[in-house]
Structure formats: C-alpha cells, structure tokens
Amino acid sequence: MAQNSASLTMQELSKAHENVIITNPNVVGEGKSKDLSTDVLTDSGDVSPGKQEDKPTAKVPILNRIKGVSLFVFASILASTYGGFVKYMDTLPSGEVVLVTCSYAACLIGLFISFQGHSVISFPRKKWVFLRCALASTALPCKVWSVQNMPLGNATALIFTSPIMTCVLARVILKEKINLFHVFAIVVGLTGIILIARPSFIFPSEEAEDYPLWYNIVPLITALSLSLAYVCQRHIGSAVNCFVVTFYGLVCQSLAGIILQAATQSSYVNPSCYTFRGMLLCLCFTQATSTLSVNKGLSYEKATTASLIRNLDTVLAFLLQVVVFKEAAESLSLIGAALIMIGTISLTLSKMFGVDCGVQL
C-alpha cells in the first residue's frame, strides 16, 4: 500500500508539473509569440511590432507583405487625388477644407465602428494612439502652412526627407532591420523628388522667391512628425483596431483645421457650387480611406517601407498636373519621376519575393 500511494503521489506531481509547463504564458508556441516584434506573428496572422527578445520567431508571410505594400500604394493614389481636388478648390480656405473633410470622415468611420461593435473608450495602448494622432495633427497644418508660405519646390523637398527620418527612428526605436533595397530606394527616391521639385537652394535662379531662413524649420517639423507618427502606428500594430485609431486621428485633424483657420484669420465660405460640394464629399471618402489604409498597412509592413512607398505621392501628383491641369512636363521632372518609380518598384518586388540582399544594417 505504501509503495502504491508513493507511486500515485509521484504520478500526480508529474502531471501537475506538465500542466504548469503547458499553461505557462512564457512558453512560446509554434508560429506564435508572446512578445511584440517586427518579425513576429500574432494569433490573427497580423504583425504586431514591439520589443524583440532572443527567441525563435516566425517570419512574416509574403502574403502579409503584399497586403501591406498594396495598402500603401492605394493610400498614395488616394492622397494624390485629395491633393488634386484641393488644388482645384483653391477659392476655399485651407483650414475650412481640412475641418470639413476630416470631421465628415470621422463621422463616416464612427458609423463603421458602431456597426462593428468596437469600443472607442476601452482599448489598449491609449498613450501610443493619442501620441500618433497628435503627431499626425501637427504634421497637417505645418504641411499646409509650408506650401502656402514657401516655394513649392523647397517645401516638397524638405517634407519628403521623412523617409530618411523614418528609417533612422524605426531602426533606433523599433529595431527594424534595413537592407540595401531600403538604402537604394532612399537615395534614388530623394534624388527623384529633388529633380521634380527643383528647390531653389539646389537649383538657384533669379526668379526664386526670397523667404526667411527659419521657414525651413516648418516643413522639417512636418517630416519629423510624419516619421514619428509612422513609428507610433507601427508599434501599435494590430493591438488596436485600425478603425479606432483612424477615428481619433480624424477628430484631432479636425481640431487642427479649426486652429489653422483661426491662425490664418480666414472667414468660412459656404460653397454655393454643387461641384465643390460634391468634391468635398469625395475628399471625405479619400481622407478616411487613405488614413485607414496606412494604419492597416503598418500592421503588416515596416514603417521604413511605408514611408518610402509614400514617395509615390510626388509622382502621382506630377502626373495629375500634366494630365488633368495640362501643365508642361520638363525633362528633369520626367527623370525624377522615373527614379522614384525605380526605387519604389525595386523595394516592392523585394518585399513580395522576400529578397533581402543578404546585407542588413
């Protein structure tokens, strides 16, 4: 009897030990990870970035990379369309356009959230979400102010230094790895933007507009804010529903529109033309969908990749100027557009086929 009871006791201890191992939350299962990382998959199949530990992790599927890249390209198309509509409606104050489009877009996203049953009050990583929204809201009025008060080429060239800042910040904060495709896309992309924008500090001319030197700080603030916003959204990943993040971002940008309207001391204009009213509704849709695409795409792909692919905004805006607004295309602009396309396509193909050149920084 004593031997049998001792044997039963040993069996019970063994089973209890196995249960502890199975239920221990520190044990990482196959294809899953407890800790957040740029190359770790969650249970839902999305990428949820964060601090990386020395544990075996699953590589991001190519399908997820294709989803992320496709969402960024789609966001660039929508952002360029937004810019084209805004240029056509130049009689409306910039602050009013931002306020109307972002507030209506926030209402549209709010309806989707109510149908989905997600909470806009109870969600994780609130500090990161509101920091991301505050940064995006800082970038928007700074970008509009830069375009209005500086030569367009200078403002564009300085704003699109954002990929370089994103590359550095993502490497330092998120520990994202950078390969030769990223470096190549940064170099040719920035060169292409300079050729399209032709800033006066690189291409001096007698017709160049003079402005105070400190004005250059504003578009650099825009670039830094955009870079930090991308890094924040990448850290949030799929932990927070992308509709919730987009909703709060649009609300904050609506407040930024009010501030911009007050700062420029512009009076509100009631658009009597039905064309303008229809365009404002289109802007609401493009603003909501573009922001949503970026937020969702950053749950699949790296912040550096997102920022580099958004260089397509410049190429698409250039095409709109030539095709829609009938502006003459110069040879340097065509070369610049080709360089941006080459850098973006090479980076996109490397993501689709999982090619890293074997060299990572």
Protein backbone atom coordinates (compact mmCIF):
# COMPACT_ATOMS: atom_id res chain seq x y z
CA MET A 1 0.00 0.00 0.00
CA ALA A 2 2.79 2.42 0.91
CA GLN A 3 4.51 1.75 -2.41
CA ASN A 4 1.25 2.23 -4.36
CA SER A 5 0.46 5.54 -2.59
CA ALA A 6 4.01 6.74 -3.23
CA SER A 7 3.67 5.79 -6.89
CA LEU A 8 0.34 7.67 -7.14
CA THR A 9 1.88 10.71 -5.49
CA MET A 10 4.76 10.75 -7.98
CA GLN A 11 2.30 10.47 -10.88
CA GLU A 12 0.23 13.36 -9.56
CA LEU A 13 3.34 15.52 -9.17
CA SER A 14 4.43 14.68 -12.69
CA LYS A 15 1.02 15.63 -14.13
CA ALA A 16 0.99 18.86 -12.14
CA HIS A 17 4.45 19.72 -13.48
CA GLU A 18 3.27 19.08 -17.05
CA ASN A 19 0.22 21.31 -16.52
CA VAL A 20 2.44 24.11 -15.28
CA ILE A 21 4.59 23.84 -18.40
CA ILE A 22 1.57 23.78 -20.71
CA THR A 23 -0.22 26.70 -19.07
CA ASN A 24 2.90 28.80 -18.52
CA PRO A 25 2.38 32.05 -20.51
CA ASN A 26 6.12 32.40 -21.02
CA VAL A 27 6.22 29.35 -23.27
CA VAL A 28 6.04 30.40 -26.91
CA GLY A 29 4.10 28.12 -29.20
CA GLU A 30 4.91 27.31 -32.77
CA GLY A 31 4.15 30.22 -35.11
CA LYS A 32 3.16 32.49 -32.16
CA SER A 33 4.98 34.86 -29.91
CA LYS A 34 4.24 36.42 -26.54
CA ASP A 35 6.46 39.43 -27.14
CA LEU A 36 5.91 42.02 -29.83
CA SER A 37 8.45 42.21 -32.63
CA THR A 38 8.76 43.47 -36.15
CA ASP A 39 9.06 39.93 -37.50
CA VAL A 40 6.65 38.10 -35.17
CA LEU A 41 3.16 36.86 -35.99
CA THR A 42 0.19 37.14 -33.68
CA ASP A 43 -2.62 34.59 -33.43
CA SER A 44 -4.63 36.51 -36.03
CA GLY A 45 -1.82 36.38 -38.57
CA ASP A 46 -1.10 40.10 -38.38
CA VAL A 47 2.22 41.60 -37.42
CA SER A 48 2.34 43.24 -34.01
CA PRO A 49 5.66 45.05 -33.56
CA GLY A 50 7.43 45.86 -30.34
CA LYS A 51 10.42 44.81 -28.26
CA GLN A 52 12.25 41.81 -29.60
CA GLU A 53 13.87 39.14 -27.45
CA ASP A 54 16.29 36.36 -28.31
CA LYS A 55 13.57 33.79 -29.02
CA PRO A 56 12.83 31.89 -32.22
CA THR A 57 10.24 33.83 -34.21
CA ALA A 58 8.17 33.16 -37.29
CA LYS A 59 8.97 35.05 -40.46
CA VAL A 60 6.29 37.34 -41.83
CA PRO A 61 4.44 35.60 -44.71
CA ILE A 62 4.86 37.08 -48.15
CA LEU A 63 1.07 37.45 -48.40
CA ASN A 64 1.09 39.85 -45.44
CA ARG A 65 3.91 41.84 -47.05
CA ILE A 66 1.93 42.10 -50.28
CA LYS A 67 -1.10 43.30 -48.31
CA GLY A 68 0.96 46.00 -46.60
CA VAL A 69 2.60 47.24 -49.81
CA SER A 70 -0.73 47.25 -51.67
CA LEU A 71 -2.37 49.31 -48.92
CA PHE A 72 0.45 51.89 -49.05
CA VAL A 73 0.19 52.20 -52.85
CA PHE A 74 -3.58 52.58 -52.54
CA ALA A 75 -3.10 55.29 -49.88
CA SER A 76 -0.71 57.17 -52.20
CA ILE A 77 -3.28 57.14 -55.00
CA LEU A 78 -5.96 58.49 -52.67
CA ALA A 79 -3.63 61.14 -51.17
CA SER A 80 -2.71 62.39 -54.65
CA THR A 81 -6.39 62.53 -55.60
CA TYR A 82 -7.03 64.53 -52.41
CA GLY A 83 -4.30 67.00 -53.37
CA GLY A 84 -5.72 67.40 -56.87
CA PHE A 85 -9.19 68.21 -55.52
CA VAL A 86 -7.75 70.69 -53.01
CA LYS A 87 -5.80 72.47 -55.76
CA TYR A 88 -8.94 72.76 -57.85
CA MET A 89 -10.86 74.25 -54.89
CA ASP A 90 -8.29 76.95 -54.21
CA THR A 91 -11.03 79.51 -53.51
CA LEU A 92 -11.91 77.74 -50.24
CA PRO A 93 -9.72 78.43 -47.17
CA SER A 94 -7.31 75.59 -46.34
CA GLY A 95 -8.47 75.39 -42.74
CA GLU A 96 -12.09 75.02 -43.82
CA VAL A 97 -11.22 72.23 -46.25
CA VAL A 98 -9.31 70.33 -43.54
CA LEU A 99 -12.08 70.86 -40.98
CA VAL A 100 -14.95 69.81 -43.24
CA THR A 101 -13.28 66.79 -44.82
CA CYS A 102 -11.78 65.41 -41.59
CA SER A 103 -14.91 65.95 -39.49
CA TYR A 104 -17.18 64.28 -42.05
CA ALA A 105 -14.64 61.48 -42.49
CA ALA A 106 -14.59 60.98 -38.70
CA CYS A 107 -18.38 60.62 -38.75
CA LEU A 108 -18.11 58.06 -41.56
CA ILE A 109 -15.51 56.00 -39.67
CA GLY A 110 -17.59 56.32 -36.49
CA LEU A 111 -20.53 54.67 -38.27
CA PHE A 112 -18.32 51.73 -39.27
CA ILE A 113 -17.10 51.39 -35.69
CA SER A 114 -20.67 51.33 -34.35
CA PHE A 115 -21.65 48.62 -36.85
CA GLN A 116 -18.57 46.57 -35.96
CA GLY A 117 -19.27 46.87 -32.23
CA HIS A 118 -15.79 48.13 -31.29
CA SER A 119 -15.32 50.39 -28.30
CA VAL A 120 -13.80 53.85 -28.73
CA ILE A 121 -13.20 54.09 -24.98
CA SER A 122 -11.82 50.74 -23.87
CA PHE A 123 -8.75 49.74 -25.90
CA PRO A 124 -5.05 49.11 -25.13
CA ARG A 125 -2.05 51.39 -25.72
CA LYS A 126 -4.05 54.61 -25.34
CA LYS A 127 -0.90 56.70 -24.88
CA TRP A 128 0.55 55.47 -28.16
CA VAL A 129 -2.74 56.02 -30.01
CA PHE A 130 -3.14 59.61 -28.83
CA LEU A 131 0.54 60.33 -29.45
CA ARG A 132 0.16 59.06 -33.01
CA CYS A 133 -2.94 61.25 -33.51
CA ALA A 134 -1.24 64.33 -32.04
CA LEU A 135 1.78 63.89 -34.32
CA ALA A 136 -0.37 63.48 -37.44
CA SER A 137 -2.39 66.56 -36.46
CA THR A 138 0.84 68.53 -36.05
CA ALA A 139 2.07 67.49 -39.48
CA LEU A 140 -1.10 68.51 -41.32
CA PRO A 141 -1.22 72.27 -40.50
CA CYS A 142 2.58 72.53 -40.80
CA LYS A 143 2.42 70.99 -44.27
CA VAL A 144 -0.33 73.35 -45.41
CA TRP A 145 1.49 76.37 -43.96
CA SER A 146 4.74 75.35 -45.71
CA VAL A 147 3.05 75.03 -49.10
CA GLN A 148 1.29 78.38 -48.70
CA ASN A 149 4.25 80.42 -47.43
CA MET A 150 7.28 78.82 -49.12
CA PRO A 151 8.23 77.99 -52.70
CA LEU A 152 6.51 74.71 -53.50
CA GLY A 153 9.76 73.00 -54.55
CA ASN A 154 11.55 73.87 -51.31
CA ALA A 155 8.63 72.77 -49.15
CA THR A 156 8.19 69.49 -51.05
CA ALA A 157 11.90 68.59 -50.93
CA LEU A 158 12.12 69.22 -47.18
CA ILE A 159 8.86 67.42 -46.34
CA PHE A 160 9.95 64.33 -48.25
CA THR A 161 13.05 63.93 -46.11
CA SER A 162 10.58 61.97 -43.98
CA PRO A 163 11.73 58.53 -45.28
CA ILE A 164 15.27 59.21 -44.05
CA MET A 165 13.99 60.21 -40.61
CA THR A 166 11.64 57.22 -40.51
CA CYS A 167 14.50 54.88 -41.41
CA VAL A 168 16.65 56.17 -38.53
CA LEU A 169 13.83 56.34 -35.97
CA ALA A 170 12.48 52.88 -36.83
CA ARG A 171 15.97 51.41 -36.53
CA VAL A 172 16.55 53.04 -33.12
CA ILE A 173 13.07 52.68 -31.56
CA LEU A 174 11.60 49.57 -33.21
CA LYS A 175 14.89 47.82 -34.06
CA GLU A 176 13.75 47.42 -37.65
CA LYS A 177 16.40 46.00 -39.94
CA ILE A 178 17.43 47.94 -43.03
CA ASN A 179 18.70 46.25 -46.18
CA LEU A 180 20.29 47.50 -49.39
CA PHE A 181 16.91 47.84 -51.09
CA HIS A 182 15.87 50.38 -48.44
CA VAL A 183 19.09 52.35 -48.91
CA PHE A 184 18.72 52.28 -52.70
CA ALA A 185 15.08 53.42 -52.50
CA ILE A 186 16.03 56.28 -50.14
CA VAL A 187 18.83 57.56 -52.39
CA VAL A 188 17.02 57.37 -55.75
CA GLY A 189 13.71 58.49 -54.20
CA LEU A 190 15.17 61.63 -52.65
CA THR A 191 17.06 62.37 -55.89
CA GLY A 192 13.87 62.00 -57.89
CA ILE A 193 11.91 64.30 -55.56
CA ILE A 194 14.63 66.96 -55.84
CA LEU A 195 14.52 66.75 -59.64
CA ILE A 196 10.73 67.12 -59.66
CA ALA A 197 10.52 69.86 -57.02
CA ARG A 198 13.77 71.63 -58.01
CA PRO A 199 14.20 73.58 -54.75
CA SER A 200 15.88 76.96 -55.04
CA PHE A 201 18.60 76.06 -52.53
CA ILE A 202 19.86 73.44 -55.04
CA PHE A 203 18.72 74.99 -58.34
CA PRO A 204 19.17 78.75 -57.77
CA SER A 205 17.54 81.16 -60.19
CA GLU A 206 16.84 84.87 -60.43
CA GLU A 207 13.10 84.25 -60.17
CA ALA A 208 13.46 82.35 -56.88
CA GLU A 209 11.26 83.69 -54.10
CA ASP A 210 13.07 85.02 -51.04
CA TYR A 211 11.85 83.97 -47.60
CA PRO A 212 13.26 83.91 -44.05
CA LEU A 213 15.66 81.05 -43.36
CA TRP A 214 13.72 79.86 -40.32
CA TYR A 215 10.76 78.99 -42.58
CA ASN A 216 12.69 75.80 -43.46
CA ILE A 217 12.10 74.54 -39.92
CA VAL A 218 8.35 74.16 -40.51
CA PRO A 219 8.49 71.54 -43.32
CA LEU A 220 11.19 69.72 -41.35
CA ILE A 221 8.78 69.60 -38.40
CA THR A 222 6.23 68.14 -40.82
CA ALA A 223 8.68 65.43 -41.89
CA LEU A 224 9.65 64.60 -38.30
CA SER A 225 6.01 64.46 -37.17
CA LEU A 226 5.08 62.13 -40.03
CA SER A 227 8.04 59.86 -39.26
CA LEU A 228 7.20 59.64 -35.56
CA ALA A 229 3.53 59.03 -36.40
CA TYR A 230 4.51 56.08 -38.61
CA VAL A 231 6.73 54.66 -35.88
CA CYS A 232 3.93 55.01 -33.31
CA GLN A 233 1.40 53.31 -35.59
CA ARG A 234 3.86 50.52 -36.33
CA HIS A 235 4.31 49.98 -32.59
CA ILE A 236 0.53 49.91 -32.11
CA GLY A 237 0.29 47.27 -34.84
CA SER A 238 -2.88 45.18 -34.70
CA ALA A 239 -3.27 45.56 -30.92
CA VAL A 240 -5.82 48.35 -31.53
CA ASN A 241 -8.48 48.21 -34.22
CA CYS A 242 -7.37 50.37 -37.16
CA PHE A 243 -10.83 51.98 -37.39
CA VAL A 244 -10.49 53.26 -33.80
CA VAL A 245 -7.04 54.75 -34.47
CA THR A 246 -8.30 56.34 -37.69
CA PHE A 247 -11.34 57.80 -35.91
CA TYR A 248 -9.28 59.56 -33.26
CA GLY A 249 -6.77 60.72 -35.87
CA LEU A 250 -9.50 62.37 -37.93
CA VAL A 251 -11.01 64.02 -34.85
CA CYS A 252 -7.61 65.50 -33.95
CA GLN A 253 -7.09 66.67 -37.54
CA SER A 254 -10.50 68.37 -37.45
CA LEU A 255 -9.31 70.34 -34.42
CA ALA A 256 -6.13 71.15 -36.34
CA GLY A 257 -8.32 72.54 -39.14
CA ILE A 258 -10.02 74.89 -36.66
CA ILE A 259 -6.62 76.05 -35.38
CA LEU A 260 -5.36 76.60 -38.95
CA GLN A 261 -8.48 78.56 -39.85
CA ALA A 262 -8.04 80.79 -36.79
CA ALA A 263 -4.30 81.22 -37.35
CA THR A 264 -4.77 82.35 -40.97
CA GLN A 265 -7.69 84.60 -39.91
CA SER A 266 -9.78 83.31 -42.79
CA SER A 267 -13.57 83.55 -42.87
CA TYR A 268 -15.67 80.48 -43.57
CA VAL A 269 -17.07 80.23 -47.09
CA ASN A 270 -20.31 78.48 -47.97
CA PRO A 271 -19.66 76.69 -51.29
CA SER A 272 -22.67 77.53 -53.43
CA CYS A 273 -21.38 75.45 -56.35
CA TYR A 274 -22.66 71.87 -56.33
CA THR A 275 -19.37 70.79 -57.89
CA PHE A 276 -17.45 71.98 -54.85
CA ARG A 277 -19.93 70.28 -52.51
CA GLY A 278 -19.55 67.03 -54.40
CA MET A 279 -15.78 67.33 -54.30
CA LEU A 280 -15.88 67.91 -50.53
CA LEU A 281 -17.82 64.66 -50.14
CA CYS A 282 -15.23 62.89 -52.31
CA LEU A 283 -12.48 64.39 -50.14
CA CYS A 284 -14.17 62.96 -47.04
CA PHE A 285 -14.08 59.48 -48.55
CA THR A 286 -10.49 59.76 -49.81
CA GLN A 287 -9.23 61.17 -46.49
CA ALA A 288 -10.91 58.43 -44.44
CA THR A 289 -9.83 55.61 -46.76
CA SER A 290 -6.26 56.87 -47.16
CA THR A 291 -5.70 57.18 -43.40
CA LEU A 292 -7.32 53.81 -42.79
CA SER A 293 -5.13 52.15 -45.45
CA VAL A 294 -1.92 53.50 -43.90
CA ASN A 295 -2.93 52.44 -40.38
CA LYS A 296 -3.88 48.95 -41.51
CA GLY A 297 -0.83 48.60 -43.74
CA LEU A 298 1.51 49.39 -40.84
CA SER A 299 0.21 46.29 -39.06
CA TYR A 300 1.66 44.24 -41.92
CA GLU A 301 4.82 46.04 -43.04
CA LYS A 302 7.68 48.11 -41.61
CA ALA A 303 7.47 51.85 -41.05
CA THR A 304 10.51 52.44 -43.27
CA THR A 305 8.88 50.61 -46.18
CA ALA A 306 5.64 52.56 -45.71
CA SER A 307 7.42 55.91 -45.76
CA LEU A 308 9.42 55.04 -48.88
CA ILE A 309 6.41 53.79 -50.84
CA ARG A 310 4.58 57.03 -50.00
CA ASN A 311 7.13 58.75 -52.26
CA LEU A 312 4.69 57.74 -54.98
CA ASP A 313 2.60 60.71 -53.85
CA THR A 314 5.03 63.01 -55.65
CA VAL A 315 4.91 61.02 -58.90
CA LEU A 316 1.12 60.78 -58.91
CA ALA A 317 0.78 64.49 -58.11
CA PHE A 318 3.13 65.24 -61.02
CA LEU A 319 1.00 63.09 -63.34
CA LEU A 320 -2.14 64.92 -62.20
CA GLN A 321 -0.52 68.26 -63.03
CA VAL A 322 0.39 67.06 -66.53
CA VAL A 323 -2.76 65.10 -67.42
CA VAL A 324 -5.54 66.96 -65.59
CA PHE A 325 -4.20 70.50 -65.18
CA LYS A 326 -2.35 70.47 -68.57
CA GLU A 327 0.97 71.70 -67.19
CA ALA A 328 4.08 71.16 -69.31
CA ALA A 329 6.32 68.25 -68.31
CA GLU A 330 10.04 69.10 -68.19
CA SER A 331 12.81 66.58 -68.78
CA LEU A 332 14.20 66.81 -65.23
CA SER A 333 10.75 66.12 -63.79
CA LEU A 334 10.36 63.06 -66.01
CA ILE A 335 13.76 61.74 -64.91
CA GLY A 336 12.85 62.36 -61.27
CA ALA A 337 9.54 60.53 -61.63
CA ALA A 338 11.34 57.59 -63.27
CA LEU A 339 13.88 57.43 -60.42
CA ILE A 340 11.13 57.36 -57.78
CA MET A 341 9.32 54.60 -59.66
CA ILE A 342 12.53 52.55 -59.97
CA GLY A 343 13.26 52.84 -56.24
CA THR A 344 9.68 52.05 -55.24
CA ILE A 345 9.30 49.11 -57.64
CA SER A 346 12.62 47.56 -56.57
CA LEU A 347 11.62 47.84 -52.90
CA THR A 348 8.14 46.44 -53.61
CA LEU A 349 9.49 43.45 -55.54
CA SER A 350 12.00 42.71 -52.79
CA LYS A 351 9.13 42.60 -50.30
CA MET A 352 6.90 40.47 -52.50
CA PHE A 353 9.61 37.85 -53.10
CA GLY A 354 11.30 38.13 -49.70
CA VAL A 355 14.71 39.20 -51.08
CA ASP A 356 16.97 40.99 -48.54
CA CYS A 357 20.30 41.02 -50.46
CA GLY A 358 21.88 39.22 -47.51
CA VAL A 359 23.08 42.54 -46.07
CA GLN A 360 21.20 44.13 -43.17
CA LEU A 361 22.05 47.13 -41.04
